[in-house]
Each structure stands twice: as C-alpha cells, then as structure tokens.
Protein backbone atom coordinates (compact mmCIF):
# COMPACT_ATOMS: atom_id res chain seq x y z
CA MET A 1 -103.01 57.67 -16.25
CA LYS A 2 -99.34 56.71 -16.60
CA ASN A 3 -100.26 53.72 -18.78
CA ALA A 4 -102.53 55.86 -20.93
CA LYS A 5 -99.76 58.43 -21.33
CA ARG A 6 -97.30 55.71 -22.33
CA ILE A 7 -99.77 54.40 -24.93
CA VAL A 8 -100.25 57.89 -26.39
CA LEU A 9 -96.50 58.51 -26.54
CA ALA A 10 -95.94 55.12 -28.15
CA ALA A 11 -98.64 55.84 -30.73
CA VAL A 12 -97.09 59.24 -31.48
CA ALA A 13 -93.67 57.63 -31.86
CA VAL A 14 -95.03 55.01 -34.25
CA LEU A 15 -96.79 57.71 -36.28
CA PHE A 16 -93.63 59.80 -36.40
CA VAL A 17 -91.57 56.84 -37.64
CA ALA A 18 -94.22 56.02 -40.25
CA VAL A 19 -94.32 59.59 -41.55
CA ALA A 20 -90.53 59.89 -41.53
CA THR A 21 -90.21 56.61 -43.44
CA LEU A 22 -92.80 57.73 -45.98
CA VAL A 23 -90.97 61.00 -46.54
CA LEU A 24 -87.58 59.31 -46.87
CA VAL A 25 -88.72 56.44 -49.07
CA GLY A 26 -91.32 58.44 -50.94
CA ALA A 27 -93.99 57.04 -53.22
CA ALA A 28 -93.90 55.31 -56.58
CA THR A 29 -94.73 57.29 -59.71
CA THR A 30 -98.07 55.52 -59.89
CA SER A 31 -99.90 52.61 -58.33
CA HIS A 32 -101.44 51.80 -61.72
CA PRO A 33 -100.60 48.21 -62.79
CA HIS A 34 -97.78 47.52 -65.24
CA GLN A 35 -96.56 44.54 -67.22
CA ARG A 36 -93.97 43.54 -69.81
CA SER A 37 -94.92 44.58 -73.30
CA THR A 38 -95.65 41.91 -75.87
CA LEU A 39 -95.71 44.47 -78.68
CA GLY A 40 -92.54 44.83 -80.73
CA ALA A 41 -89.19 43.10 -80.60
CA ALA A 42 -85.89 44.25 -79.14
CA ARG A 43 -83.27 44.76 -81.86
CA PRO A 44 -79.73 46.16 -81.87
CA SER A 45 -80.22 49.86 -82.33
CA VAL A 46 -77.85 49.94 -85.30
CA GLU A 47 -80.44 47.96 -87.26
CA LEU A 48 -82.66 51.03 -87.54
CA LEU A 49 -80.12 52.49 -89.98
CA ALA A 50 -80.79 49.86 -92.66
CA ARG A 51 -83.92 51.54 -93.99
CA LEU A 52 -83.52 55.02 -92.54
CA ASN A 53 -83.35 56.69 -95.95
CA GLU A 54 -86.27 54.80 -97.47
CA PRO A 55 -89.70 56.46 -97.59
CA GLY A 56 -91.75 55.30 -94.62
CA PRO A 57 -95.34 54.11 -94.38
CA VAL A 58 -96.41 56.20 -91.38
CA GLU A 59 -98.33 59.46 -91.62
CA LEU A 60 -97.11 61.66 -88.77
CA GLU A 61 -98.85 64.73 -87.36
CA SER A 62 -97.70 66.76 -84.36
CA ILE A 63 -100.42 68.62 -82.48
CA ALA A 64 -99.77 71.52 -80.10
CA SER A 65 -102.42 70.76 -77.51
CA ALA A 66 -101.65 73.72 -75.24
CA ASP A 67 -99.35 76.70 -74.80
CA TRP A 68 -97.71 77.02 -71.40
CA ALA A 69 -94.77 78.61 -69.58
CA VAL A 70 -92.56 76.98 -66.94
CA ASP A 71 -89.29 77.68 -65.13
CA ARG A 72 -86.36 77.82 -67.54
CA SER A 73 -84.06 76.30 -64.91
CA GLY A 74 -86.01 73.05 -65.16
CA LEU A 75 -85.76 72.92 -68.93
CA VAL A 76 -82.15 74.04 -69.45
CA ASN A 77 -79.06 73.50 -67.31
CA LEU A 78 -78.35 77.12 -66.44
CA GLY A 79 -75.10 76.07 -64.76
CA HIS A 80 -73.65 74.91 -68.08
CA PRO A 81 -70.81 77.19 -69.28
CA THR A 82 -72.59 77.86 -72.58
CA ALA A 83 -75.77 78.89 -70.78
CA LYS A 84 -73.78 81.15 -68.47
CA SER A 85 -71.89 82.80 -71.32
CA ALA A 86 -75.20 83.39 -73.11
CA GLY A 87 -76.51 85.15 -70.02
CA LEU A 88 -79.45 82.80 -69.54
CA VAL A 89 -81.23 83.27 -66.22
CA ASP A 90 -84.26 81.66 -64.66
CA GLY A 91 -87.73 82.85 -65.56
CA ASP A 92 -90.73 81.82 -67.62
CA GLU A 93 -89.88 79.84 -70.73
CA PRO A 94 -92.72 79.57 -73.29
CA ILE A 95 -93.38 75.94 -74.22
CA GLN A 96 -96.07 73.79 -75.76
CA VAL A 97 -97.67 70.53 -74.65
CA PHE A 98 -97.72 68.16 -77.63
CA PHE A 99 -99.07 64.87 -78.74
CA HIS A 100 -98.08 63.18 -81.99
CA ALA A 101 -100.39 61.11 -84.18
CA LEU A 102 -98.95 58.09 -86.02
CA ARG A 103 -101.17 56.56 -88.70
CA HIS A 104 -99.81 53.18 -89.76
CA PRO A 105 -101.41 51.66 -92.87
CA THR A 106 -102.13 48.31 -91.19
CA LYS A 107 -101.69 48.90 -87.44
CA GLY A 108 -104.00 51.89 -87.15
CA LEU A 109 -103.78 55.14 -85.19
CA TYR A 110 -101.32 55.54 -82.32
CA ILE A 111 -100.37 58.65 -80.39
CA VAL A 112 -97.10 59.57 -78.71
CA ASP A 113 -97.93 61.31 -75.40
CA THR A 114 -101.38 62.74 -74.78
CA GLY A 115 -101.51 66.54 -74.86
CA VAL A 116 -104.21 67.83 -72.50
CA GLU A 117 -107.72 66.57 -71.79
CA ASN A 118 -111.01 68.24 -72.74
CA ALA A 119 -111.76 69.03 -69.10
CA LEU A 120 -108.78 71.36 -68.80
CA ARG A 121 -110.55 73.57 -71.31
CA ASP A 122 -114.20 72.92 -70.50
CA ALA A 123 -114.36 72.07 -66.78
CA PRO A 124 -110.94 72.61 -65.13
CA GLU A 125 -112.19 71.64 -61.68
CA GLN A 126 -113.00 68.16 -63.03
CA ALA A 127 -109.65 67.61 -64.75
CA ALA A 128 -107.18 65.04 -63.47
CA LEU A 129 -104.65 67.86 -63.10
CA SER A 130 -106.52 70.09 -60.69
CA GLY A 131 -106.44 71.38 -57.13
CA LEU A 132 -103.36 72.55 -55.26
CA LEU A 133 -100.85 70.96 -57.60
CA ALA A 134 -102.45 72.58 -60.63
CA ASP A 135 -102.25 75.88 -58.75
CA ALA A 136 -98.59 75.26 -57.97
CA MET A 137 -97.95 74.50 -61.64
CA LYS A 138 -99.86 77.71 -62.53
CA VAL A 139 -102.08 75.88 -64.99
CA LYS A 140 -104.89 78.43 -64.81
CA GLU A 141 -102.52 81.38 -65.04
CA LYS A 142 -100.14 80.22 -67.74
CA MET A 143 -101.69 77.40 -69.77
CA GLN A 144 -103.83 78.11 -72.80
CA VAL A 145 -105.58 75.03 -74.18
CA LYS A 146 -105.58 74.89 -77.98
CA GLU A 147 -106.50 71.36 -79.11
CA PRO A 148 -107.44 68.93 -76.33
CA LEU A 149 -106.96 65.27 -77.11
CA GLY A 150 -110.63 64.36 -76.72
CA ALA A 151 -111.78 66.98 -79.21
CA TRP A 152 -109.12 65.85 -81.67
CA LEU A 153 -109.99 62.16 -81.29
CA ALA A 154 -113.66 62.91 -81.93
CA LYS A 155 -112.74 64.10 -85.43
CA GLN A 156 -110.78 60.99 -86.39
CA PRO A 157 -112.33 58.41 -88.72
CA GLY A 158 -111.07 55.38 -86.82
CA PRO A 159 -110.37 54.22 -83.25
CA LEU A 160 -107.22 54.82 -81.26
CA SER A 161 -105.07 51.67 -81.30
CA GLY A 162 -102.54 52.64 -78.62
CA VAL A 163 -100.66 55.27 -76.63
CA LEU A 164 -96.86 55.41 -76.74
CA LEU A 165 -95.52 57.46 -73.83
CA THR A 166 -92.13 59.11 -73.72
CA HIS A 167 -92.42 59.05 -69.91
CA LEU A 168 -94.92 59.41 -67.08
CA HIS A 169 -94.57 63.05 -66.03
CA LEU A 170 -97.89 64.83 -65.65
CA ASP A 171 -97.41 67.18 -68.59
CA HIS A 172 -97.28 64.09 -70.83
CA LEU A 173 -100.27 62.42 -69.18
CA THR A 174 -102.67 65.34 -68.96
CA GLY A 175 -104.71 64.13 -71.93
CA MET A 176 -104.95 60.53 -70.74
CA ALA A 177 -108.49 60.97 -69.39
CA ASP A 178 -109.65 61.38 -73.00
CA VAL A 179 -108.10 58.06 -74.06
CA PRO A 180 -110.82 55.39 -74.44
CA ALA A 181 -110.84 52.79 -71.66
CA GLY A 182 -108.92 49.64 -72.50
CA THR A 183 -106.64 51.32 -75.03
CA PRO A 184 -103.14 49.78 -74.75
CA VAL A 185 -100.60 52.10 -73.12
CA TYR A 186 -96.82 51.70 -73.50
CA ALA A 187 -93.84 53.22 -71.67
CA GLY A 188 -90.22 52.51 -70.89
CA PRO A 189 -89.00 50.06 -68.24
CA GLY A 190 -89.03 51.27 -64.65
CA GLU A 191 -91.32 54.23 -65.33
CA THR A 192 -94.00 53.27 -62.81
CA THR A 193 -91.90 52.24 -59.82
CA PRO A 194 -89.26 54.89 -58.95
CA ARG A 195 -89.91 56.28 -55.48
CA SER A 196 -89.44 59.88 -54.46
CA PHE A 197 -90.81 62.50 -52.11
CA PHE A 198 -92.16 64.44 -55.09
CA ASN A 199 -94.31 61.45 -56.05
CA LEU A 200 -96.14 61.84 -52.74
CA LEU A 201 -97.57 65.01 -54.27
CA THR A 202 -98.20 63.72 -57.78
CA GLN A 203 -99.11 60.03 -57.50
CA SER A 204 -102.82 60.59 -56.88
CA ILE A 205 -103.09 62.80 -59.96
CA THR A 206 -101.12 60.34 -62.09
CA ASP A 207 -103.39 57.54 -60.86
CA ARG A 208 -106.47 59.63 -61.65
CA ALA A 209 -105.25 60.28 -65.20
CA LEU A 210 -104.65 56.55 -65.71
CA SER A 211 -107.86 55.43 -64.04
CA GLY A 212 -109.79 52.91 -66.15
CA LYS A 213 -106.92 52.50 -68.60
CA ALA A 214 -105.13 49.27 -69.48
CA ALA A 215 -102.06 48.24 -67.50
CA ILE A 216 -98.94 50.07 -68.68
CA SER A 217 -96.94 47.77 -70.95
CA GLU A 218 -93.22 48.43 -70.52
CA TRP A 219 -90.90 48.07 -73.52
CA THR A 220 -88.64 45.02 -73.24
CA TYR A 221 -85.34 46.53 -74.31
CA THR A 222 -82.18 44.48 -74.52
CA PRO A 223 -79.56 46.72 -72.84
CA GLU A 224 -76.73 47.77 -75.17
CA THR A 225 -73.31 48.95 -74.04
CA ASN A 226 -71.97 50.06 -77.42
CA GLY A 227 -75.13 50.76 -79.38
CA LEU A 228 -76.50 53.96 -80.80
CA PHE A 229 -78.82 53.97 -77.79
CA GLU A 230 -79.15 51.96 -74.59
CA GLY A 231 -81.80 49.80 -76.20
CA ALA A 232 -84.23 49.73 -79.10
CA VAL A 233 -87.55 48.07 -79.93
CA ASP A 234 -88.93 47.67 -83.44
CA ILE A 235 -92.53 48.34 -82.45
CA PHE A 236 -94.45 47.01 -85.45
CA GLY A 237 -91.80 44.63 -86.75
CA ASP A 238 -91.44 46.45 -90.07
CA GLY A 239 -88.85 49.05 -89.11
CA SER A 240 -91.37 51.90 -89.38
CA VAL A 241 -91.43 53.00 -85.72
CA TRP A 242 -88.71 52.44 -83.13
CA ALA A 243 -88.77 52.94 -79.37
CA LEU A 244 -85.33 54.15 -78.20
CA TRP A 245 -84.28 53.91 -74.56
CA VAL A 246 -82.86 57.29 -73.44
CA PRO A 247 -82.90 57.15 -69.61
CA GLY A 248 -82.01 60.07 -67.39
CA HIS A 249 -84.94 62.44 -67.38
CA THR A 250 -86.75 59.42 -65.96
CA PRO A 251 -85.52 55.81 -65.77
CA GLY A 252 -87.61 54.64 -68.70
CA SER A 253 -87.55 57.77 -70.86
CA THR A 254 -88.15 56.77 -74.46
CA ALA A 255 -87.64 58.57 -77.74
CA TYR A 256 -89.41 57.42 -80.90
CA LEU A 257 -87.97 57.26 -84.40
CA VAL A 258 -90.71 57.36 -87.04
CA ARG A 259 -90.15 56.61 -90.71
CA SER A 260 -92.85 58.92 -91.94
CA THR A 261 -94.13 59.41 -95.47
CA LYS A 262 -92.23 62.74 -95.47
CA GLY A 263 -88.99 61.34 -94.10
CA PRO A 264 -87.57 60.12 -90.78
CA VAL A 265 -88.56 62.03 -87.65
CA LEU A 266 -87.04 61.75 -84.17
CA LEU A 267 -89.40 62.49 -81.28
CA VAL A 268 -86.94 62.99 -78.44
CA GLY A 269 -89.39 63.61 -75.58
CA ASP A 270 -87.94 65.42 -72.59
CA ALA A 271 -84.42 64.15 -73.20
CA SER A 272 -84.27 67.69 -74.60
CA HIS A 273 -87.08 70.15 -73.90
CA THR A 274 -86.05 73.27 -75.78
CA ARG A 275 -84.76 74.33 -79.16
CA TRP A 276 -82.08 76.54 -77.57
CA GLY A 277 -80.77 73.69 -75.42
CA TRP A 278 -80.64 71.29 -78.37
CA GLU A 279 -78.93 73.72 -80.73
CA HIS A 280 -76.37 74.86 -78.14
CA ASP A 281 -75.54 71.42 -76.73
CA VAL A 282 -76.97 72.22 -73.29
CA GLU A 283 -78.87 69.43 -71.60
CA PRO A 284 -82.07 69.85 -69.53
CA GLY A 285 -81.99 71.26 -66.02
CA THR A 286 -83.57 70.44 -62.69
CA PHE A 287 -86.60 68.59 -64.07
CA THR A 288 -84.29 65.65 -64.89
CA ALA A 289 -84.00 62.95 -62.23
CA ASP A 290 -80.52 61.64 -63.13
CA ALA A 291 -78.46 64.47 -64.61
CA ALA A 292 -75.40 62.37 -65.51
CA ARG A 293 -77.38 59.68 -67.28
CA GLY A 294 -79.58 62.30 -68.88
CA ARG A 295 -76.50 64.00 -70.33
CA GLN A 296 -75.35 60.67 -71.81
CA SER A 297 -78.70 60.11 -73.50
CA PHE A 298 -78.75 63.72 -74.72
CA GLU A 299 -75.30 63.25 -76.29
CA LYS A 300 -76.37 60.03 -78.02
CA LEU A 301 -79.43 61.70 -79.50
CA ARG A 302 -77.43 64.69 -80.73
CA ALA A 303 -74.72 62.43 -82.18
CA PHE A 304 -77.36 60.44 -84.04
CA ALA A 305 -79.00 63.59 -85.40
CA ALA A 306 -75.63 65.04 -86.47
CA ALA A 307 -74.71 61.83 -88.29
CA HIS A 308 -78.08 61.72 -90.05
CA PRO A 309 -79.12 65.28 -90.95
CA GLU A 310 -82.01 63.92 -93.01
CA VAL A 311 -83.76 63.12 -89.71
CA ALA A 312 -86.12 65.87 -88.53
CA VAL A 313 -85.92 66.43 -84.76
CA ARG A 314 -88.97 67.34 -82.69
CA LEU A 315 -88.16 68.25 -79.11
CA GLY A 316 -90.15 67.69 -75.96
CA HIS A 317 -91.75 71.11 -75.66
CA GLN A 318 -90.47 73.27 -78.51
CA HIS A 319 -90.25 72.42 -82.21
C-alpha cells in the first residue's frame, strides 16, 4: 500500500510539474509548418519612395467581411493622456473585419488578410472559430457577417494566387478555411512561434483555420536601424507592393504599401486598429503583445503618412 501511495503521489507531482510548465511556457501561436519566403526581395525601406508618386499597376479593393464590436481598451490605449482627456472609457467599440484584394496585372489575385469564412454565416457550429472561444469573443452576439471570403472568391474570374497576412490573430485568419488548399500564405518573421498562455486557448483554432493550407512563408526582412521601417520586402520585384515590418502588436506584424491604380495605399494592419487612435496619436491598447515596440512602429507609420499625405491610410479595423 505504501509503495502504491508513493507511486500515486509521484505521478501527481509529475503531472503538476507538467501542467505548471505548460502554463508558464505556454504554447506557440500555431503548430502549422513555416518556412522562409522565397517570394520578394529585401530592400532598404527608403527605396519605396522612388516611385511612390507614380501611378501603380495594382487594382486594390477593400472588403468589409463582417461588422463586429470588441473592447475599446484592447484597441486604444485608454491610459494615454490624450485618451484620458477625451474621456474615453472601456466599452464596445464598433469595428469591421476586412480583407483586401490586390489584382496585379501579371502576378494575379492576392488578398491581404482573410475576412471571415462562409461557415460563420451559414453553419457557425462548423466554423474554425467556434465553441467556447467564439462564445467568449461574443461572435454570435456581436458579429454580423456581410461578405464572407468564400462567397467573394466564388465570384472572381481567376484563381487566388496568395494570401498576405498582417499577422496571425484569429480575427485576421477567420476566412482562411475558404482559401483553396495549397494557396501560398505569407506572414512576418516569428509569427508562428511566440509562446504564451493565451495561445493555449487559441492554438487549436488557429491550426484548424490553417488546416490543409501551405506552410506559412515568412518574409525575409533585412533588419534596419535607421530606415523608414524595421525592414521592407519588395514583394513582386517591381515596386508595386511592399511588405513593411512593424513589430509590436505581434513579433512579425506587417503593413503593406500598395501602389494602386488610384494612388498609393498603406494597409497598416493592427499596428493601429481605429480611426480615433490614428488621428489622435494614441497607439493600440491591451491587444498588443509588446507595447513599447508597438508604439515605435505606430510612430514610424504615422511619420511616414505625415510626410507623404498622398498615401491613403486604411487601418486594421476602421477605415
């Protein structure tokens, strides 16, 4: 009996240590495979200025895939003096879940982020974002699907050539199930591997959204210390679309500069979620993993936009 009791206690102790370690170390964002991207070439970010004022070849369309509402404290730093003086308090902030279509004359159709999948509208219980986490995020209560990615893709005359992600948070992956299997997927460096306790709750859903998709190709930025941004990749080699490294919200957060047929457009992703935050120089709130680095990226984006007012800015969740 004593030996049996010792064995049980030892097993309990091992289990406790394992659980404690898992909680402390956390889980990676996803277990989906990743690799270095072979698309595009790293360039000094200042090189994007050379043709900034020339008409671009890319047709750009931004699609509001769903209306939603989330905690304002996650989207805007309510502790910022400007936010305090404006009397901002926590509560529901109306937002939209976007994807952006880029039609390049020779490279084909690409999208930036993924909106929401058909199943969120037609069969919510079968969607990748479902179950307890969807309940916690109040998807059923507060999200209204408008244009799911799958329905939109079905109306396009040609195939989807690739997906360019700003980052791997669920609200930017919720349309991924509608992306055809094998379609190349791109994101910033270090997006798949950061470990956290929160990822214990989200990894399975992220993996489900990415199931059957190609390995995530991570942009191969050359880090810059005195550049416009921390790194830049000329995606198609013709200066029409640039990936810009803006870490902070997540380690690999990426903005995209598009030389569209109607002028240059900056897709900032969640480096700035809201119109109010952008216009009042108040960075995002608690949804950002590294607040200090996020503030630096936010400042670089705003400085770039201020220096080049011809660039239209489209924010992560409000335009």
